[in-house]
Amino acid sequence: MGLFGNSEERALRREELRLLQERHNALFNEANVVDGLIASKREAAAKMMDIEAAANAPKWEYRVDDDLEPAALSALGSKGWELVGLTSYATGGGVGGDSFMMVHVRFALKRALLENYSEEVQGVLGEITDLDTRINEIRREAETVRREINGY
């Protein structure tokens, strides 16, 4: 017998070591496959969750109006519109003072979009929205004309 046992024992140990390394490699490869499956399942689940969340999320319609009077804003509120933002901007005030500078307020509104309305109701609601926009345009133009008249 030698220092490390006889040649048969060494051969057996080499074979055991080779089998252990083979098993380790197989487990490592299997772990990589499972990791890949987990990643693809997570990605698929995230996509499915996004689709379901989008399908179940509230739908909104939006509108932007300029220079709304408080009564008009209240009327829109009673129709389900919610103020979600506003900003101001100026027009006029050209070089040399040849026109009045006017400051305007732009309102951003949203309301829940009810998809269960009949087409007839949706059509009428669309017409109302268009008319609301037009009346605000008329009011703004009338205010501009009034200021011009007062400037004479």
N, C-alpha and C. Protein backbone atom coordinates (compact mmCIF):
# COMPACT_ATOMS: atom_id res chain seq x y z
N MET A 1 0.81 -1.18 0.00
CA MET A 1 0.00 0.00 0.00
C MET A 1 0.85 1.24 0.00
N GLY A 2 0.44 2.16 -0.78
CA GLY A 2 1.17 3.41 -0.87
C GLY A 2 0.63 4.42 0.13
N LEU A 3 1.15 5.60 0.01
CA LEU A 3 0.78 6.68 0.90
C LEU A 3 -0.71 6.99 0.83
N PHE A 4 -1.34 6.95 -0.33
CA PHE A 4 -2.76 7.27 -0.51
C PHE A 4 -3.60 6.04 -0.74
N GLY A 5 -3.20 4.93 -0.30
CA GLY A 5 -3.95 3.70 -0.49
C GLY A 5 -3.53 3.04 -1.78
N ASN A 6 -4.15 1.94 -2.05
CA ASN A 6 -3.77 1.21 -3.26
C ASN A 6 -4.38 1.87 -4.48
N SER A 7 -3.96 1.44 -5.62
CA SER A 7 -4.41 2.04 -6.88
C SER A 7 -5.90 1.86 -7.09
N GLU A 8 -6.46 0.77 -6.59
CA GLU A 8 -7.92 0.57 -6.74
C GLU A 8 -8.69 1.60 -5.92
N GLU A 9 -8.21 1.89 -4.69
CA GLU A 9 -8.87 2.90 -3.87
C GLU A 9 -8.76 4.28 -4.50
N ARG A 10 -7.59 4.59 -5.03
CA ARG A 10 -7.41 5.88 -5.70
C ARG A 10 -8.32 5.98 -6.90
N ALA A 11 -8.44 4.92 -7.65
CA ALA A 11 -9.32 4.91 -8.82
C ALA A 11 -10.77 5.11 -8.40
N LEU A 12 -11.16 4.43 -7.30
CA LEU A 12 -12.53 4.60 -6.77
C LEU A 12 -12.78 6.04 -6.34
N ARG A 13 -11.82 6.62 -5.64
CA ARG A 13 -11.96 8.01 -5.19
C ARG A 13 -12.02 8.96 -6.37
N ARG A 14 -11.19 8.73 -7.39
CA ARG A 14 -11.23 9.57 -8.59
C ARG A 14 -12.59 9.47 -9.25
N GLU A 15 -13.12 8.25 -9.31
CA GLU A 15 -14.43 8.04 -9.93
C GLU A 15 -15.52 8.72 -9.10
N GLU A 16 -15.45 8.62 -7.76
CA GLU A 16 -16.42 9.30 -6.90
C GLU A 16 -16.34 10.81 -7.10
N LEU A 17 -15.12 11.34 -7.16
CA LEU A 17 -14.92 12.76 -7.37
C LEU A 17 -15.48 13.19 -8.72
N ARG A 18 -15.22 12.39 -9.76
CA ARG A 18 -15.74 12.69 -11.10
C ARG A 18 -17.26 12.69 -11.08
N LEU A 19 -17.88 11.72 -10.40
CA LEU A 19 -19.34 11.65 -10.31
C LEU A 19 -19.91 12.84 -9.53
N LEU A 20 -19.19 13.20 -8.45
CA LEU A 20 -19.63 14.37 -7.68
C LEU A 20 -19.55 15.65 -8.52
N GLN A 21 -18.47 15.81 -9.27
CA GLN A 21 -18.33 16.99 -10.13
C GLN A 21 -19.39 16.99 -11.22
N GLU A 22 -19.66 15.81 -11.76
CA GLU A 22 -20.71 15.68 -12.78
C GLU A 22 -22.07 16.07 -12.19
N ARG A 23 -22.33 15.58 -10.98
CA ARG A 23 -23.60 15.89 -10.31
C ARG A 23 -23.68 17.40 -10.03
N HIS A 24 -22.56 17.97 -9.58
CA HIS A 24 -22.51 19.41 -9.31
C HIS A 24 -22.81 20.20 -10.57
N ASN A 25 -22.19 19.83 -11.67
CA ASN A 25 -22.43 20.52 -12.95
C ASN A 25 -23.89 20.38 -13.38
N ALA A 26 -24.44 19.18 -13.21
CA ALA A 26 -25.83 18.95 -13.58
C ALA A 26 -26.76 19.82 -12.73
N LEU A 27 -26.47 19.91 -11.42
CA LEU A 27 -27.28 20.76 -10.54
C LEU A 27 -27.14 22.24 -10.91
N PHE A 28 -25.92 22.64 -11.22
CA PHE A 28 -25.67 24.01 -11.63
C PHE A 28 -26.45 24.35 -12.90
N ASN A 29 -26.42 23.44 -13.88
CA ASN A 29 -27.16 23.65 -15.12
C ASN A 29 -28.67 23.68 -14.87
N GLU A 30 -29.14 22.79 -14.00
CA GLU A 30 -30.56 22.76 -13.67
C GLU A 30 -30.98 24.07 -12.98
N ALA A 31 -30.12 24.57 -12.09
CA ALA A 31 -30.40 25.83 -11.41
C ALA A 31 -30.51 26.98 -12.42
N ASN A 32 -29.62 26.98 -13.42
CA ASN A 32 -29.68 28.01 -14.45
C ASN A 32 -30.99 27.93 -15.23
N VAL A 33 -31.41 26.72 -15.55
CA VAL A 33 -32.67 26.53 -16.28
C VAL A 33 -33.85 27.02 -15.43
N VAL A 34 -33.85 26.65 -14.16
CA VAL A 34 -34.93 27.07 -13.26
C VAL A 34 -34.92 28.58 -13.09
N ASP A 35 -33.73 29.17 -12.95
CA ASP A 35 -33.64 30.63 -12.86
C ASP A 35 -34.24 31.30 -14.10
N GLY A 36 -33.94 30.74 -15.26
CA GLY A 36 -34.51 31.27 -16.50
C GLY A 36 -36.03 31.15 -16.53
N LEU A 37 -36.53 30.00 -16.07
CA LEU A 37 -37.99 29.81 -16.00
C LEU A 37 -38.63 30.81 -15.04
N ILE A 38 -37.99 31.00 -13.90
CA ILE A 38 -38.51 31.96 -12.92
C ILE A 38 -38.57 33.35 -13.53
N ALA A 39 -37.50 33.75 -14.21
CA ALA A 39 -37.46 35.08 -14.82
C ALA A 39 -38.54 35.23 -15.88
N SER A 40 -38.72 34.21 -16.72
CA SER A 40 -39.74 34.32 -17.77
C SER A 40 -41.14 34.30 -17.17
N LYS A 41 -41.35 33.52 -16.10
CA LYS A 41 -42.66 33.49 -15.43
C LYS A 41 -42.95 34.85 -14.78
N ARG A 42 -41.93 35.44 -14.16
CA ARG A 42 -42.12 36.76 -13.55
C ARG A 42 -42.47 37.79 -14.61
N GLU A 43 -41.78 37.74 -15.73
CA GLU A 43 -42.06 38.68 -16.82
C GLU A 43 -43.48 38.48 -17.35
N ALA A 44 -43.87 37.22 -17.54
CA ALA A 44 -45.23 36.93 -18.03
C ALA A 44 -46.27 37.39 -17.01
N ALA A 45 -46.01 37.14 -15.72
CA ALA A 45 -46.95 37.56 -14.68
C ALA A 45 -47.07 39.08 -14.65
N ALA A 46 -45.95 39.79 -14.80
CA ALA A 46 -45.99 41.26 -14.80
C ALA A 46 -46.81 41.77 -15.97
N LYS A 47 -46.64 41.17 -17.15
CA LYS A 47 -47.42 41.58 -18.32
C LYS A 47 -48.91 41.30 -18.10
N MET A 48 -49.22 40.14 -17.56
CA MET A 48 -50.62 39.79 -17.30
C MET A 48 -51.22 40.75 -16.28
N MET A 49 -50.44 41.08 -15.24
CA MET A 49 -50.94 42.01 -14.23
C MET A 49 -51.17 43.39 -14.82
N ASP A 50 -50.26 43.84 -15.72
CA ASP A 50 -50.44 45.14 -16.38
C ASP A 50 -51.70 45.14 -17.22
N ILE A 51 -51.93 44.06 -17.95
CA ILE A 51 -53.12 43.97 -18.80
C ILE A 51 -54.38 44.00 -17.94
N GLU A 52 -54.40 43.22 -16.86
CA GLU A 52 -55.58 43.19 -16.00
C GLU A 52 -55.77 44.52 -15.29
N ALA A 53 -54.68 45.14 -14.86
CA ALA A 53 -54.80 46.44 -14.19
C ALA A 53 -55.35 47.48 -15.16
N ALA A 54 -54.86 47.46 -16.41
CA ALA A 54 -55.36 48.41 -17.40
C ALA A 54 -56.84 48.17 -17.69
N ALA A 55 -57.23 46.90 -17.76
CA ALA A 55 -58.63 46.58 -18.05
C ALA A 55 -59.55 47.01 -16.91
N ASN A 56 -59.03 46.97 -15.68
CA ASN A 56 -59.85 47.30 -14.52
C ASN A 56 -59.64 48.72 -14.00
N ALA A 57 -58.67 49.43 -14.56
CA ALA A 57 -58.39 50.79 -14.11
C ALA A 57 -59.50 51.73 -14.59
N PRO A 58 -59.76 52.76 -13.80
CA PRO A 58 -60.77 53.72 -14.26
C PRO A 58 -60.29 54.41 -15.53
N LYS A 59 -61.22 54.70 -16.38
CA LYS A 59 -60.93 55.41 -17.63
C LYS A 59 -61.34 56.87 -17.41
N TRP A 60 -60.60 57.77 -18.00
CA TRP A 60 -60.85 59.20 -17.81
C TRP A 60 -61.01 59.89 -19.14
N GLU A 61 -61.77 60.96 -19.12
CA GLU A 61 -61.78 61.87 -20.25
C GLU A 61 -61.28 63.21 -19.72
N TYR A 62 -60.66 63.97 -20.60
CA TYR A 62 -60.01 65.21 -20.19
C TYR A 62 -60.51 66.36 -21.05
N ARG A 63 -60.42 67.53 -20.49
CA ARG A 63 -60.73 68.74 -21.24
C ARG A 63 -59.86 69.86 -20.69
N VAL A 64 -59.61 70.84 -21.54
CA VAL A 64 -58.84 72.01 -21.15
C VAL A 64 -59.67 73.23 -21.53
N ASP A 65 -59.86 74.12 -20.59
CA ASP A 65 -60.62 75.35 -20.83
C ASP A 65 -59.82 76.52 -20.30
N ASP A 66 -60.01 77.66 -20.94
CA ASP A 66 -59.34 78.88 -20.51
C ASP A 66 -60.34 79.83 -19.87
N ASP A 67 -59.86 80.53 -18.84
CA ASP A 67 -60.59 81.64 -18.23
C ASP A 67 -62.00 81.28 -17.80
N LEU A 68 -62.16 80.20 -17.09
CA LEU A 68 -63.48 79.82 -16.59
C LEU A 68 -63.86 80.70 -15.41
N GLU A 69 -65.09 81.15 -15.42
CA GLU A 69 -65.64 81.87 -14.28
C GLU A 69 -65.96 80.83 -13.20
N PRO A 70 -66.03 81.25 -11.94
CA PRO A 70 -66.36 80.30 -10.87
C PRO A 70 -67.67 79.55 -11.12
N ALA A 71 -68.69 80.23 -11.65
CA ALA A 71 -69.96 79.56 -11.91
C ALA A 71 -69.80 78.47 -12.96
N ALA A 72 -69.02 78.74 -13.98
CA ALA A 72 -68.80 77.75 -15.03
C ALA A 72 -68.01 76.56 -14.48
N LEU A 73 -67.04 76.86 -13.63
CA LEU A 73 -66.25 75.79 -13.01
C LEU A 73 -67.14 74.94 -12.10
N SER A 74 -68.02 75.58 -11.36
CA SER A 74 -68.96 74.84 -10.50
C SER A 74 -69.91 73.98 -11.33
N ALA A 75 -70.37 74.55 -12.46
CA ALA A 75 -71.27 73.78 -13.33
C ALA A 75 -70.56 72.54 -13.86
N LEU A 76 -69.31 72.69 -14.23
CA LEU A 76 -68.55 71.53 -14.70
C LEU A 76 -68.37 70.52 -13.57
N GLY A 77 -68.14 71.01 -12.36
CA GLY A 77 -68.01 70.12 -11.21
C GLY A 77 -69.27 69.32 -10.98
N SER A 78 -70.43 69.95 -11.19
CA SER A 78 -71.69 69.23 -10.99
C SER A 78 -71.91 68.19 -12.09
N LYS A 79 -71.16 68.29 -13.17
CA LYS A 79 -71.25 67.30 -14.25
C LYS A 79 -70.17 66.23 -14.12
N GLY A 80 -69.48 66.24 -12.99
CA GLY A 80 -68.49 65.20 -12.73
C GLY A 80 -67.06 65.58 -13.08
N TRP A 81 -66.85 66.79 -13.58
CA TRP A 81 -65.50 67.22 -13.93
C TRP A 81 -64.75 67.62 -12.67
N GLU A 82 -63.49 67.22 -12.60
CA GLU A 82 -62.63 67.53 -11.46
C GLU A 82 -61.43 68.31 -11.97
N LEU A 83 -61.13 69.41 -11.28
CA LEU A 83 -59.97 70.22 -11.64
C LEU A 83 -58.70 69.47 -11.23
N VAL A 84 -57.82 69.21 -12.18
CA VAL A 84 -56.59 68.47 -11.88
C VAL A 84 -55.34 69.31 -12.09
N GLY A 85 -55.50 70.49 -12.68
CA GLY A 85 -54.34 71.34 -12.87
C GLY A 85 -54.75 72.67 -13.45
N LEU A 86 -53.91 73.67 -13.24
CA LEU A 86 -54.13 74.96 -13.87
C LEU A 86 -52.81 75.65 -14.05
N THR A 87 -52.79 76.55 -15.00
CA THR A 87 -51.60 77.34 -15.28
C THR A 87 -52.06 78.68 -15.82
N SER A 88 -51.18 79.64 -15.83
CA SER A 88 -51.53 80.94 -16.39
C SER A 88 -50.58 81.27 -17.53
N TYR A 89 -51.07 82.13 -18.41
CA TYR A 89 -50.25 82.60 -19.52
C TYR A 89 -50.74 83.98 -19.92
N ALA A 90 -49.89 84.73 -20.60
CA ALA A 90 -50.23 86.09 -21.00
C ALA A 90 -50.29 86.19 -22.52
N THR A 91 -51.17 87.05 -22.99
CA THR A 91 -51.25 87.36 -24.43
C THR A 91 -51.25 88.87 -24.58
N GLY A 92 -50.94 89.33 -25.77
CA GLY A 92 -50.94 90.77 -26.03
C GLY A 92 -49.73 91.43 -25.44
N GLY A 93 -49.87 92.75 -25.23
CA GLY A 93 -48.77 93.51 -24.64
C GLY A 93 -47.59 93.62 -25.56
N GLY A 94 -47.88 93.90 -26.83
CA GLY A 94 -46.83 94.00 -27.83
C GLY A 94 -45.86 95.13 -27.56
N VAL A 95 -44.77 95.16 -28.32
CA VAL A 95 -43.74 96.19 -28.18
C VAL A 95 -44.37 97.54 -28.48
N GLY A 96 -44.05 98.51 -27.67
CA GLY A 96 -44.59 99.85 -27.88
C GLY A 96 -45.97 100.03 -27.28
N GLY A 97 -46.46 99.03 -26.59
CA GLY A 97 -47.75 99.15 -25.93
C GLY A 97 -48.92 99.27 -26.87
N ASP A 98 -48.83 98.64 -28.05
CA ASP A 98 -49.92 98.76 -29.02
C ASP A 98 -51.09 97.84 -28.73
N SER A 99 -51.01 97.01 -27.71
CA SER A 99 -52.15 96.18 -27.32
C SER A 99 -52.07 95.90 -25.83
N PHE A 100 -53.19 95.57 -25.25
CA PHE A 100 -53.24 95.26 -23.82
C PHE A 100 -52.69 93.87 -23.57
N MET A 101 -51.96 93.75 -22.49
CA MET A 101 -51.54 92.42 -22.08
C MET A 101 -52.66 91.82 -21.25
N MET A 102 -53.02 90.59 -21.58
CA MET A 102 -54.07 89.90 -20.83
C MET A 102 -53.48 88.63 -20.22
N VAL A 103 -53.82 88.39 -18.98
CA VAL A 103 -53.40 87.17 -18.31
C VAL A 103 -54.58 86.21 -18.31
N HIS A 104 -54.33 85.01 -18.74
CA HIS A 104 -55.36 83.99 -18.82
C HIS A 104 -55.01 82.84 -17.88
N VAL A 105 -56.03 82.12 -17.48
CA VAL A 105 -55.83 80.92 -16.67
C VAL A 105 -56.38 79.74 -17.47
N ARG A 106 -55.55 78.73 -17.63
CA ARG A 106 -55.95 77.51 -18.33
C ARG A 106 -56.21 76.42 -17.29
N PHE A 107 -57.40 75.83 -17.38
CA PHE A 107 -57.83 74.80 -16.44
C PHE A 107 -57.78 73.44 -17.13
N ALA A 108 -57.22 72.45 -16.44
CA ALA A 108 -57.24 71.06 -16.92
C ALA A 108 -58.19 70.30 -16.02
N LEU A 109 -59.16 69.62 -16.64
CA LEU A 109 -60.17 68.89 -15.89
C LEU A 109 -60.25 67.45 -16.38
N LYS A 110 -60.71 66.58 -15.49
CA LYS A 110 -60.94 65.19 -15.88
C LYS A 110 -62.20 64.70 -15.20
N ARG A 111 -62.78 63.66 -15.77
CA ARG A 111 -63.89 62.97 -15.12
C ARG A 111 -63.87 61.52 -15.56
N ALA A 112 -64.48 60.70 -14.72
CA ALA A 112 -64.53 59.28 -15.03
C ALA A 112 -65.31 59.08 -16.32
N LEU A 113 -64.79 58.26 -17.17
CA LEU A 113 -65.45 57.95 -18.43
C LEU A 113 -66.27 56.70 -18.22
N LEU A 114 -67.57 56.86 -18.32
CA LEU A 114 -68.45 55.72 -18.13
C LEU A 114 -68.71 55.09 -19.49
N GLU A 115 -68.20 53.89 -19.66
CA GLU A 115 -68.31 53.23 -20.95
C GLU A 115 -69.66 52.58 -21.17
N ASN A 116 -70.49 52.58 -20.13
CA ASN A 116 -71.77 51.90 -20.25
C ASN A 116 -72.89 52.81 -20.74
N TYR A 117 -72.60 54.06 -21.03
CA TYR A 117 -73.62 54.93 -21.58
C TYR A 117 -73.98 54.44 -22.99
N SER A 118 -75.23 54.66 -23.34
CA SER A 118 -75.64 54.32 -24.70
C SER A 118 -74.94 55.27 -25.67
N GLU A 119 -74.90 54.87 -26.94
CA GLU A 119 -74.27 55.73 -27.95
C GLU A 119 -74.98 57.07 -28.03
N GLU A 120 -76.30 57.05 -27.84
CA GLU A 120 -77.07 58.30 -27.90
C GLU A 120 -76.64 59.25 -26.79
N VAL A 121 -76.52 58.71 -25.56
CA VAL A 121 -76.11 59.55 -24.44
C VAL A 121 -74.67 60.03 -24.66
N GLN A 122 -73.80 59.14 -25.13
CA GLN A 122 -72.42 59.54 -25.38
C GLN A 122 -72.35 60.64 -26.43
N GLY A 123 -73.20 60.54 -27.45
CA GLY A 123 -73.24 61.58 -28.48
C GLY A 123 -73.67 62.92 -27.92
N VAL A 124 -74.72 62.89 -27.09
CA VAL A 124 -75.19 64.14 -26.48
C VAL A 124 -74.13 64.71 -25.55
N LEU A 125 -73.48 63.86 -24.77
CA LEU A 125 -72.42 64.33 -23.88
C LEU A 125 -71.28 64.96 -24.67
N GLY A 126 -70.96 64.36 -25.80
CA GLY A 126 -69.93 64.94 -26.67
C GLY A 126 -70.34 66.30 -27.19
N GLU A 127 -71.62 66.44 -27.57
CA GLU A 127 -72.12 67.74 -28.04
C GLU A 127 -72.05 68.78 -26.92
N ILE A 128 -72.41 68.37 -25.71
CA ILE A 128 -72.35 69.29 -24.58
C ILE A 128 -70.91 69.75 -24.35
N THR A 129 -69.99 68.82 -24.40
CA THR A 129 -68.58 69.18 -24.22
C THR A 129 -68.14 70.18 -25.29
N ASP A 130 -68.53 69.93 -26.54
CA ASP A 130 -68.20 70.85 -27.62
C ASP A 130 -68.82 72.22 -27.38
N LEU A 131 -70.08 72.24 -26.94
CA LEU A 131 -70.77 73.51 -26.69
C LEU A 131 -70.15 74.24 -25.51
N ASP A 132 -69.77 73.50 -24.46
CA ASP A 132 -69.08 74.13 -23.33
C ASP A 132 -67.79 74.80 -23.78
N THR A 133 -67.06 74.13 -24.64
CA THR A 133 -65.82 74.70 -25.17
C THR A 133 -66.12 75.95 -25.97
N ARG A 134 -67.15 75.88 -26.81
CA ARG A 134 -67.51 77.04 -27.65
C ARG A 134 -67.97 78.23 -26.81
N ILE A 135 -68.77 77.99 -25.78
CA ILE A 135 -69.25 79.11 -24.95
C ILE A 135 -68.08 79.78 -24.25
N ASN A 136 -67.09 79.00 -23.85
CA ASN A 136 -65.90 79.60 -23.22
C ASN A 136 -65.11 80.42 -24.22
N GLU A 137 -65.02 79.96 -25.47
CA GLU A 137 -64.35 80.74 -26.51
C GLU A 137 -65.09 82.05 -26.74
N ILE A 138 -66.42 81.99 -26.79
CA ILE A 138 -67.22 83.20 -27.00
C ILE A 138 -67.02 84.17 -25.85
N ARG A 139 -67.04 83.68 -24.62
CA ARG A 139 -66.84 84.55 -23.46
C ARG A 139 -65.47 85.21 -23.48
N ARG A 140 -64.44 84.45 -23.84
CA ARG A 140 -63.09 85.03 -23.91
C ARG A 140 -63.04 86.12 -24.98
N GLU A 141 -63.61 85.83 -26.14
CA GLU A 141 -63.59 86.82 -27.21
C GLU A 141 -64.39 88.06 -26.81
N ALA A 142 -65.53 87.86 -26.15
CA ALA A 142 -66.35 89.00 -25.70
C ALA A 142 -65.57 89.85 -24.70
N GLU A 143 -64.83 89.21 -23.82
CA GLU A 143 -64.03 89.94 -22.85
C GLU A 143 -62.94 90.74 -23.55
N THR A 144 -62.31 90.16 -24.55
CA THR A 144 -61.28 90.87 -25.31
C THR A 144 -61.88 92.09 -26.00
N VAL A 145 -63.04 91.93 -26.62
CA VAL A 145 -63.70 93.04 -27.30
C VAL A 145 -64.08 94.12 -26.29
N ARG A 146 -64.61 93.70 -25.14
CA ARG A 146 -64.99 94.68 -24.10
C ARG A 146 -63.78 95.48 -23.67
N ARG A 147 -62.62 94.84 -23.50
CA ARG A 147 -61.41 95.57 -23.11
C ARG A 147 -60.96 96.53 -24.20
N GLU A 148 -61.12 96.09 -25.44
CA GLU A 148 -60.76 96.99 -26.54
C GLU A 148 -61.67 98.21 -26.56
N ILE A 149 -62.98 97.99 -26.33
CA ILE A 149 -63.93 99.12 -26.28
C ILE A 149 -63.58 100.06 -25.17
N ASN A 150 -63.24 99.51 -24.00
CA ASN A 150 -62.87 100.37 -22.86
C ASN A 150 -61.57 101.11 -23.12
N GLY A 151 -60.76 100.62 -24.02
CA GLY A 151 -59.49 101.29 -24.34
C GLY A 151 -59.66 102.51 -25.22
N TYR A 152 -60.84 102.70 -25.83
CA TYR A 152 -61.07 103.87 -26.71
C TYR A 152 -61.36 105.09 -25.93
